[in-house]
Amino acid sequence: VDNRDALQQKLNEKDLPTAVHYPIPVDQQPAIPVDEPPLPNAKAVSEKVMSLPMHPYLDEATQKDIVKKVVEAMS
């Protein structure tokens, strides 16, 4: 998502937690050899990806609340 940090802040204000699980692209991880080719798509995605609350037991009302808060925050 564009402007991820701003969106995360808005969602946090709505008591909707978010997370960034992969902030460092795979080709920039310390375990990856330096001579590996760059992965520009991985960098682009790492700057935009964010996780919303999810698990197999989210009831429909909670799912709708999450969607509503995301739509409101993006408007």
Protein backbone atom coordinates (compact mmCIF):
# COMPACT_ATOMS: atom_id res chain seq x y z
CA VAL A 1 0.00 0.00 0.00
CA ASP A 2 1.23 3.50 -0.76
CA ASN A 3 1.93 5.68 2.29
CA ARG A 4 2.04 2.61 4.50
CA ASP A 5 3.28 4.42 7.59
CA ALA A 6 0.48 6.99 7.45
CA LEU A 7 -2.10 4.25 6.95
CA GLN A 8 -0.70 2.27 9.86
CA GLN A 9 -0.94 5.34 12.07
CA LYS A 10 -4.58 5.94 11.07
CA LEU A 11 -5.45 2.30 11.71
CA ASN A 12 -3.68 2.40 15.06
CA GLU A 13 -5.83 5.41 16.00
CA LYS A 14 -8.85 3.22 15.17
CA ASP A 15 -7.50 0.49 17.49
CA LEU A 16 -6.67 -1.77 14.55
CA PRO A 17 -3.17 -3.19 14.93
CA THR A 18 -1.00 -3.76 11.88
CA ALA A 19 2.50 -5.11 11.41
CA VAL A 20 5.31 -5.14 8.89
CA HIS A 21 6.69 -8.65 8.97
CA TYR A 22 9.21 -8.31 6.13
CA PRO A 23 10.74 -4.80 6.29
CA ILE A 24 14.06 -5.89 4.78
CA PRO A 25 14.05 -7.33 1.24
CA VAL A 26 15.33 -10.88 0.95
CA ASP A 27 18.37 -9.86 -1.10
CA GLN A 28 19.42 -7.47 1.69
CA GLN A 29 19.19 -10.02 4.49
CA PRO A 30 22.52 -10.62 6.26
CA ALA A 31 22.35 -14.36 5.51
CA ILE A 32 22.24 -13.80 1.74
CA PRO A 33 25.62 -13.67 -0.04
CA VAL A 34 26.54 -10.21 -1.32
CA ASP A 35 27.23 -11.50 -4.84
CA GLU A 36 23.58 -12.49 -5.39
CA PRO A 37 21.74 -10.35 -7.96
CA PRO A 38 19.51 -7.56 -6.64
CA LEU A 39 15.78 -8.19 -6.40
CA PRO A 40 14.12 -4.84 -7.18
CA ASN A 41 10.60 -6.24 -6.87
CA ALA A 42 11.38 -7.52 -3.37
CA LYS A 43 12.51 -4.03 -2.37
CA ALA A 44 9.36 -2.43 -3.82
CA VAL A 45 7.10 -4.90 -2.04
CA SER A 46 8.95 -4.62 1.28
CA GLU A 47 8.22 -0.88 1.29
CA LYS A 48 4.47 -1.37 0.82
CA VAL A 49 3.45 -4.64 2.45
CA MET A 50 1.66 -4.67 5.78
CA SER A 51 -0.27 -7.27 7.71
CA LEU A 52 -3.75 -6.88 9.13
CA PRO A 53 -5.22 -8.94 11.95
CA MET A 54 -5.96 -12.43 10.67
CA HIS A 55 -6.45 -15.88 12.04
CA PRO A 56 -8.86 -18.75 11.36
CA TYR A 57 -11.21 -17.75 14.18
CA LEU A 58 -12.07 -14.20 13.10
CA ASP A 59 -15.84 -14.00 13.12
CA GLU A 60 -17.70 -12.25 10.32
CA ALA A 61 -18.49 -9.16 12.42
CA THR A 62 -14.80 -8.67 13.22
CA GLN A 63 -13.85 -9.16 9.57
CA LYS A 64 -16.36 -6.51 8.54
CA ASP A 65 -15.04 -4.16 11.22
CA ILE A 66 -11.49 -4.59 9.93
CA VAL A 67 -12.58 -3.89 6.36
CA LYS A 68 -14.60 -0.86 7.45
CA LYS A 69 -11.66 0.62 9.34
CA VAL A 70 -9.27 0.06 6.43
CA VAL A 71 -11.67 1.67 3.95
CA GLU A 72 -12.21 4.64 6.28
CA ALA A 73 -8.48 5.08 6.84
CA MET A 74 -7.77 4.97 3.10
CA SER A 75 -10.49 7.49 2.21
